[in-house]
Amino acid sequence: MDYYIGTLAVFLLINIMAALGLDLQFGVAGTLSFAYIVFQAAGAYTGAILTLGPDKSNGGFQQYIGGSRLPFPLPMICGALVAGVVALAVGLIGLRRVRRDYQAMVMLVISVIATAMAENAVSVVNGTNGLSLVPPPFKWFSHAGTTDSIWGYAALCVIPVILTYFVVYRITESPWGRALRAARDHEHAAAAMGKNVARMQLTAFIVGAMIAGASGVLLVQFIGSWAPSGWLYKETFIYVTAIIVGGRANRRGVVIGTFLVATLVGEAPTYLPAFGPTPVFVASMDWLISGIMVLIFLWFRPQGAFPEPVRQLSKRLGLVGEPSDGGSVGGDAFPGPPGGAVSPSGRARQ
């Protein structure tokens, strides 16, 4: 039981890290990134190649380009950088001059194309068989598994998760983060204020992809293998569901939503007795439950369990609070003009 709980803890931490990166793209910047799993796969493949060593040193049963044995955390850094480069190429195609309601279709098509390319790139990432026997970051960890090694890996994952949370916090609470949310809510108004909306969204897209790439390296070094069949486009919907359930652009909501969707809902069908028309019906119940949860939240509570916090200017600046003696313009959001001079039309005299 301790080994099982430790395994769930590792997957939860990696999923939280990935979900925070997607929330930066989807929740904060407003980009419908249904190709998010591609960036996690790019990081996973990069981390695997940079830790497996040359392909001939593995008996020649799997082929891949390059190969080395870099110490941790260099594979994770390289995986993040490769995912960022891939996101730059994808973003230039899928974000620029493409209406936001078409972005989801573009990203979905890119995800399908990437899967097909990986399946046929035998000499690059070993095709449909994928890469296996990926060593853990330290020899002390073992894929065969002991309780101590599992909990040790979970402790190792805590560090990048905290760093990711801090980076996302600094971005979303900065002036640049406020500009991102403004562009998300009203793109034309943000552009009229002099903001380069395309550049801001592309930058957030790349940063979120780099987080996904780093999480992919942690994941592949934990499970020891990676193949195209394990990162189909539908895997992205797990993170999207977690964000919708928890609350877009709310870091605490994303963490809780990931726990509810990726851990509780993902593991619940394993405790159900076999029933249904086919033997695999129970095994696919997690997708059914996730779909129902999305429909319920989109219909009854689209803001999620923990809505995005309402941000206001500080009261110490005198821009929020009770109206002045002369009244206020537009409610309590702004104080009235000095002396309370208000024109008959309701606007303050210059």
Protein backbone atom coordinates (compact mmCIF):
# COMPACT_ATOMS: atom_id res chain seq x y z
CA MET A 1 0.00 0.00 0.00
CA ASP A 2 2.86 2.41 0.77
CA TYR A 3 4.38 1.66 -2.63
CA TYR A 4 1.03 2.24 -4.32
CA ILE A 5 0.42 5.55 -2.54
CA GLY A 6 3.96 6.67 -3.32
CA THR A 7 3.42 5.93 -7.01
CA LEU A 8 0.21 7.97 -6.98
CA ALA A 9 2.09 10.80 -5.27
CA VAL A 10 4.74 10.85 -8.02
CA PHE A 11 2.13 10.92 -10.79
CA LEU A 12 0.16 13.60 -8.94
CA LEU A 13 3.19 15.87 -8.60
CA ILE A 14 4.14 15.48 -12.27
CA ASN A 15 0.53 16.08 -13.34
CA ILE A 16 0.32 19.21 -11.18
CA MET A 17 3.46 20.52 -12.83
CA ALA A 18 2.08 19.86 -16.31
CA ALA A 19 -1.36 21.29 -15.47
CA LEU A 20 0.19 24.53 -14.21
CA GLY A 21 1.96 24.92 -17.54
CA LEU A 22 -1.24 24.34 -19.49
CA ASP A 23 -3.12 26.77 -17.25
CA LEU A 24 -0.57 29.42 -18.18
CA GLN A 25 -1.43 28.83 -21.84
CA PHE A 26 -5.15 28.15 -21.53
CA GLY A 27 -6.29 29.81 -18.32
CA VAL A 28 -4.14 32.96 -18.29
CA ALA A 29 -3.33 33.58 -21.96
CA GLY A 30 -6.55 32.09 -23.36
CA THR A 31 -4.89 29.77 -25.90
CA LEU A 32 -6.81 26.56 -26.62
CA SER A 33 -3.75 24.30 -26.63
CA PHE A 34 -5.01 20.82 -27.50
CA ALA A 35 -1.47 19.92 -28.60
CA TYR A 36 -0.08 20.23 -25.09
CA ILE A 37 0.84 16.54 -24.85
CA VAL A 38 3.18 17.06 -27.83
CA PHE A 39 5.42 19.29 -25.73
CA GLN A 40 5.45 16.83 -22.86
CA ALA A 41 6.39 14.09 -25.35
CA ALA A 42 9.17 16.26 -26.81
CA GLY A 43 10.65 16.64 -23.34
CA ALA A 44 10.22 12.93 -22.59
CA TYR A 45 11.97 11.82 -25.78
CA THR A 46 14.78 14.32 -25.19
CA GLY A 47 15.26 13.21 -21.59
CA ALA A 48 15.27 9.55 -22.62
CA ILE A 49 17.84 10.03 -25.39
CA LEU A 50 20.11 12.10 -23.15
CA THR A 51 20.17 9.41 -20.44
CA LEU A 52 20.12 6.17 -22.45
CA GLY A 53 23.57 6.66 -23.93
CA PRO A 54 24.52 5.71 -27.53
CA ASP A 55 22.03 3.33 -29.13
CA LYS A 56 24.65 0.61 -29.68
CA SER A 57 25.31 0.48 -25.94
CA ASN A 58 21.73 -0.82 -25.40
CA GLY A 59 22.15 -3.99 -27.45
CA GLY A 60 20.91 -2.40 -30.67
CA PHE A 61 17.26 -3.39 -30.11
CA GLN A 62 16.13 0.25 -30.23
CA GLN A 63 17.19 3.08 -32.52
CA TYR A 64 17.35 6.77 -31.77
CA ILE A 65 19.30 9.78 -32.85
CA GLY A 66 22.31 10.85 -30.82
CA GLY A 67 22.39 9.56 -27.28
CA SER A 68 24.39 10.44 -24.18
CA ARG A 69 24.40 9.99 -20.43
CA LEU A 70 23.97 13.44 -18.96
CA PRO A 71 23.60 13.76 -15.19
CA PHE A 72 20.41 15.08 -13.63
CA PRO A 73 19.06 17.80 -13.96
CA LEU A 74 20.68 18.47 -17.36
CA PRO A 75 18.23 16.17 -19.23
CA MET A 76 15.30 18.03 -17.70
CA ILE A 77 16.75 21.40 -18.70
CA CYS A 78 17.41 20.16 -22.25
CA GLY A 79 13.92 18.65 -22.43
CA ALA A 80 12.40 21.99 -21.46
CA LEU A 81 14.47 23.80 -24.09
CA VAL A 82 13.53 21.34 -26.85
CA ALA A 83 9.85 21.63 -25.93
CA GLY A 84 10.21 25.42 -26.07
CA VAL A 85 11.68 25.25 -29.58
CA VAL A 86 8.85 22.96 -30.70
CA ALA A 87 6.33 25.38 -29.15
CA LEU A 88 7.91 28.27 -31.04
CA ALA A 89 7.41 26.45 -34.35
CA VAL A 90 3.87 25.37 -33.43
CA GLY A 91 2.97 28.82 -32.11
CA LEU A 92 4.10 30.57 -35.28
CA ILE A 93 1.72 28.30 -37.20
CA GLY A 94 -1.18 27.93 -34.78
CA LEU A 95 -1.33 31.31 -33.05
CA ARG A 96 -0.40 34.02 -35.52
CA ARG A 97 -3.20 35.19 -37.80
CA VAL A 98 -5.49 32.39 -36.66
CA ARG A 99 -8.77 33.23 -34.99
CA ARG A 100 -9.01 31.99 -31.44
CA ASP A 101 -11.98 29.75 -32.19
CA TYR A 102 -9.88 27.97 -34.85
CA GLN A 103 -6.86 27.46 -32.61
CA ALA A 104 -8.30 24.34 -30.99
CA MET A 105 -8.70 22.63 -34.37
CA VAL A 106 -5.20 23.66 -35.47
CA MET A 107 -3.64 22.32 -32.26
CA LEU A 108 -5.61 19.08 -32.53
CA VAL A 109 -4.37 18.54 -36.08
CA ILE A 110 -0.79 19.27 -35.03
CA SER A 111 -1.08 16.70 -32.25
CA VAL A 112 -2.29 14.03 -34.68
CA ILE A 113 0.50 14.86 -37.14
CA ALA A 114 3.13 14.71 -34.38
CA THR A 115 1.92 11.27 -33.30
CA ALA A 116 2.08 9.99 -36.87
CA MET A 117 5.58 11.39 -37.31
CA ALA A 118 6.81 9.73 -34.11
CA GLU A 119 5.32 6.39 -35.17
CA ASN A 120 7.20 6.48 -38.47
CA ALA A 121 10.48 7.97 -37.21
CA VAL A 122 12.14 4.65 -36.45
CA SER A 123 15.70 5.94 -36.67
CA VAL A 124 14.90 9.00 -34.54
CA VAL A 125 12.74 7.76 -31.64
CA ASN A 126 12.35 4.03 -32.45
CA GLY A 127 8.94 4.37 -34.12
CA THR A 128 5.87 2.73 -32.62
CA ASN A 129 7.95 0.66 -30.17
CA GLY A 130 9.17 3.80 -28.48
CA LEU A 131 12.09 4.04 -26.08
CA SER A 132 12.50 1.78 -23.08
CA LEU A 133 14.99 1.00 -20.30
CA VAL A 134 15.33 4.71 -19.58
CA PRO A 135 17.44 4.96 -16.41
CA PRO A 136 16.24 6.95 -13.40
CA PRO A 137 17.97 10.25 -12.57
CA PHE A 138 20.06 8.62 -9.81
CA LYS A 139 21.19 5.03 -9.34
CA TRP A 140 19.56 5.04 -5.92
CA PHE A 141 16.15 5.01 -7.62
CA SER A 142 14.98 1.75 -9.09
CA HIS A 143 12.25 1.02 -11.64
CA ALA A 144 11.87 -2.42 -10.10
CA GLY A 145 10.75 -0.47 -7.12
CA THR A 146 11.07 -0.29 -3.41
CA THR A 147 9.03 1.87 -1.12
CA ASP A 148 12.04 4.00 -0.24
CA SER A 149 12.95 4.64 -3.89
CA ILE A 150 9.37 5.59 -4.78
CA TRP A 151 9.07 8.08 -1.96
CA GLY A 152 12.55 9.35 -2.75
CA TYR A 153 11.48 10.07 -6.31
CA ALA A 154 8.38 11.80 -4.99
CA ALA A 155 10.61 14.00 -2.83
CA LEU A 156 12.72 14.76 -5.89
CA CYS A 157 9.62 15.83 -7.84
CA VAL A 158 8.60 18.27 -5.12
CA ILE A 159 11.48 20.60 -6.02
CA PRO A 160 10.57 21.23 -9.70
CA VAL A 161 6.88 21.44 -8.78
CA ILE A 162 7.59 24.19 -6.26
CA LEU A 163 9.81 26.00 -8.78
CA THR A 164 7.05 25.72 -11.40
CA TYR A 165 4.45 27.06 -8.99
CA PHE A 166 6.74 29.98 -8.13
CA VAL A 167 7.45 30.79 -11.80
CA VAL A 168 3.76 30.70 -12.68
CA TYR A 169 2.98 32.85 -9.63
CA ARG A 170 5.57 35.46 -10.59
CA ILE A 171 4.27 35.56 -14.16
CA THR A 172 0.56 35.77 -13.39
CA GLU A 173 0.94 38.35 -10.62
CA SER A 174 3.28 40.60 -12.61
CA PRO A 175 2.26 43.51 -14.87
CA TRP A 176 2.93 41.20 -17.81
CA GLY A 177 0.49 38.68 -16.35
CA ARG A 178 -2.16 41.39 -16.05
CA ALA A 179 -1.55 42.29 -19.69
CA LEU A 180 -1.97 38.61 -20.62
CA ARG A 181 -5.34 38.44 -18.87
CA ALA A 182 -6.38 41.70 -20.52
CA ALA A 183 -5.52 40.29 -23.93
CA ARG A 184 -7.38 37.10 -23.08
CA ASP A 185 -10.55 38.96 -22.06
CA HIS A 186 -10.49 41.61 -24.80
CA GLU A 187 -7.82 41.20 -27.42
CA HIS A 188 -8.69 44.31 -29.42
CA ALA A 189 -8.80 46.54 -26.35
CA ALA A 190 -5.36 45.31 -25.26
CA ALA A 191 -4.00 45.95 -28.74
CA ALA A 192 -5.49 49.45 -28.67
CA MET A 193 -3.53 50.10 -25.46
CA GLY A 194 -0.31 49.34 -27.30
CA LYS A 195 0.17 45.69 -26.26
CA ASN A 196 1.62 43.23 -28.75
CA VAL A 197 -0.97 40.54 -28.17
CA ALA A 198 0.54 37.99 -30.54
CA ARG A 199 3.97 38.23 -28.95
CA MET A 200 2.60 37.97 -25.42
CA GLN A 201 0.51 34.90 -26.22
CA LEU A 202 3.42 33.25 -28.04
CA THR A 203 5.73 33.88 -25.08
CA ALA A 204 3.23 32.39 -22.62
CA PHE A 205 2.75 29.48 -25.02
CA ILE A 206 6.50 28.78 -25.05
CA VAL A 207 6.88 29.04 -21.28
CA GLY A 208 3.97 26.67 -20.71
CA ALA A 209 5.46 24.22 -23.22
CA MET A 210 8.83 24.32 -21.45
CA ILE A 211 7.08 23.37 -18.21
CA ALA A 212 5.43 20.49 -20.06
CA GLY A 213 8.80 19.36 -21.43
CA ALA A 214 10.36 19.34 -17.97
CA SER A 215 7.43 17.31 -16.61
CA GLY A 216 7.88 14.86 -19.49
CA VAL A 217 11.49 14.21 -18.47
CA LEU A 218 10.44 13.50 -14.88
CA LEU A 219 7.74 11.17 -16.15
CA VAL A 220 9.88 9.15 -18.55
CA GLN A 221 12.66 8.72 -15.98
CA PHE A 222 10.09 7.42 -13.53
CA ILE A 223 8.23 4.92 -15.73
CA GLY A 224 11.34 4.03 -17.76
CA SER A 225 9.73 4.06 -21.22
CA TRP A 226 7.85 6.24 -23.70
CA ALA A 227 5.95 5.33 -26.86
CA PRO A 228 3.53 7.16 -29.21
CA SER A 229 0.60 5.07 -27.98
CA GLY A 230 0.99 6.65 -24.54
CA TRP A 231 0.74 10.31 -25.57
CA LEU A 232 -2.23 10.51 -27.92
CA TYR A 233 -4.06 13.83 -28.24
CA LYS A 234 -6.75 12.72 -25.79
CA GLU A 235 -4.21 12.80 -22.94
CA THR A 236 -4.34 16.59 -23.13
CA PHE A 237 -8.01 16.52 -22.17
CA ILE A 238 -7.12 15.18 -18.72
CA TYR A 239 -5.26 18.40 -17.97
CA VAL A 240 -7.96 20.51 -19.62
CA THR A 241 -10.59 18.80 -17.46
CA ALA A 242 -8.53 19.40 -14.33
CA ILE A 243 -8.32 23.12 -15.14
CA ILE A 244 -12.03 23.43 -15.93
CA VAL A 245 -13.01 21.62 -12.73
CA GLY A 246 -10.52 23.40 -10.50
CA GLY A 247 -10.83 26.86 -12.02
CA ARG A 248 -9.01 28.62 -14.83
CA ALA A 249 -6.19 31.01 -13.91
CA ASN A 250 -6.36 29.89 -10.27
CA ARG A 251 -3.24 28.03 -9.17
CA ARG A 252 -4.89 26.52 -6.12
CA GLY A 253 -7.85 25.41 -8.21
CA VAL A 254 -5.53 23.79 -10.76
CA VAL A 255 -3.77 21.80 -8.03
CA ILE A 256 -7.05 20.60 -6.51
CA GLY A 257 -8.59 19.92 -9.92
CA THR A 258 -5.57 17.79 -10.87
CA PHE A 259 -5.95 15.78 -7.70
CA LEU A 260 -9.67 15.23 -8.31
CA VAL A 261 -9.48 14.41 -12.02
CA ALA A 262 -6.09 12.80 -12.60
CA THR A 263 -5.84 10.91 -9.31
CA LEU A 264 -9.28 10.21 -7.81
CA VAL A 265 -11.24 9.84 -11.05
CA GLY A 266 -8.33 8.13 -12.77
CA GLU A 267 -8.00 5.48 -10.05
CA ALA A 268 -11.66 5.04 -9.09
CA PRO A 269 -12.52 2.54 -11.89
CA THR A 270 -9.86 0.10 -10.63
CA TYR A 271 -11.98 -0.49 -7.53
CA LEU A 272 -15.18 -1.19 -9.44
CA PRO A 273 -16.35 -4.75 -10.17
CA ALA A 274 -16.41 -5.88 -13.77
CA PHE A 275 -19.64 -5.00 -15.56
CA GLY A 276 -20.83 -3.60 -18.87
CA PRO A 277 -21.03 -4.85 -22.44
CA THR A 278 -17.27 -5.38 -22.90
CA PRO A 279 -14.38 -6.37 -20.60
CA VAL A 280 -12.73 -2.96 -21.09
CA PHE A 281 -15.84 -0.98 -20.19
CA VAL A 282 -14.80 -0.50 -16.56
CA ALA A 283 -11.25 0.43 -17.58
CA SER A 284 -12.62 3.29 -19.70
CA MET A 285 -14.92 4.61 -16.99
CA ASP A 286 -12.39 7.31 -16.09
CA TRP A 287 -12.90 8.94 -19.51
CA LEU A 288 -16.67 8.70 -19.12
CA ILE A 289 -16.59 10.28 -15.67
CA SER A 290 -14.20 13.01 -16.83
CA GLY A 291 -16.48 13.87 -19.74
CA ILE A 292 -19.51 14.08 -17.49
CA MET A 293 -17.61 16.32 -15.07
CA VAL A 294 -16.69 18.69 -17.88
CA LEU A 295 -20.29 18.93 -19.04
CA ILE A 296 -21.56 19.55 -15.51
CA PHE A 297 -19.04 22.28 -14.75
CA LEU A 298 -19.42 23.99 -18.12
CA TRP A 299 -23.18 24.06 -17.69
CA PHE A 300 -23.62 24.86 -14.00
CA ARG A 301 -20.29 26.38 -12.90
CA PRO A 302 -18.11 27.40 -15.86
CA GLN A 303 -15.75 29.36 -13.59
CA GLY A 304 -14.73 26.12 -11.84
CA ALA A 305 -14.74 25.11 -8.19
CA PHE A 306 -12.28 27.91 -7.39
CA PRO A 307 -12.96 30.88 -9.69
CA GLU A 308 -10.22 33.19 -10.84
CA PRO A 309 -9.63 35.75 -8.07
CA VAL A 310 -10.90 39.27 -8.70
CA ARG A 311 -7.91 41.59 -8.71
CA GLN A 312 -8.29 45.22 -7.62
CA LEU A 313 -5.94 48.11 -7.28
CA SER A 314 -4.68 48.73 -3.78
CA LYS A 315 -6.85 50.87 -1.53
CA ARG A 316 -3.69 52.62 -0.38
CA LEU A 317 -3.48 54.20 -3.81
CA GLY A 318 -6.93 55.70 -3.34
CA LEU A 319 -8.23 53.97 -6.47
CA VAL A 320 -10.50 51.45 -4.79
CA GLY A 321 -12.82 51.91 -1.86
CA GLU A 322 -15.47 54.32 -0.71
CA PRO A 323 -16.38 57.22 -2.96
CA SER A 324 -15.09 60.66 -2.11
CA ASP A 325 -17.24 63.49 -0.75
CA GLY A 326 -17.94 64.68 -4.23
CA GLY A 327 -19.32 61.34 -5.42
CA SER A 328 -17.76 58.85 -7.76
CA VAL A 329 -17.64 58.11 -11.41
CA GLY A 330 -18.70 54.61 -12.44
CA GLY A 331 -19.52 53.38 -8.92
CA ASP A 332 -16.89 52.73 -6.25
CA ALA A 333 -14.09 51.83 -8.64
CA PHE A 334 -12.77 55.42 -8.90
CA PRO A 335 -12.93 58.40 -6.55
CA GLY A 336 -14.64 61.59 -7.52
CA PRO A 337 -12.75 64.62 -8.78
CA PRO A 338 -11.33 67.19 -6.32
CA GLY A 339 -14.04 69.40 -4.96
CA GLY A 340 -16.73 67.10 -6.16
CA ALA A 341 -17.22 68.94 -9.46
CA VAL A 342 -19.30 66.80 -11.76
CA SER A 343 -20.83 67.90 -15.00
CA PRO A 344 -24.56 67.36 -15.65
CA SER A 345 -23.68 64.49 -17.98
CA GLY A 346 -22.06 62.64 -15.07
CA ARG A 347 -18.47 62.98 -16.26
CA ALA A 348 -15.90 64.87 -14.25
CA ARG A 349 -14.94 68.27 -15.58
CA GLN A 350 -11.38 68.40 -16.84
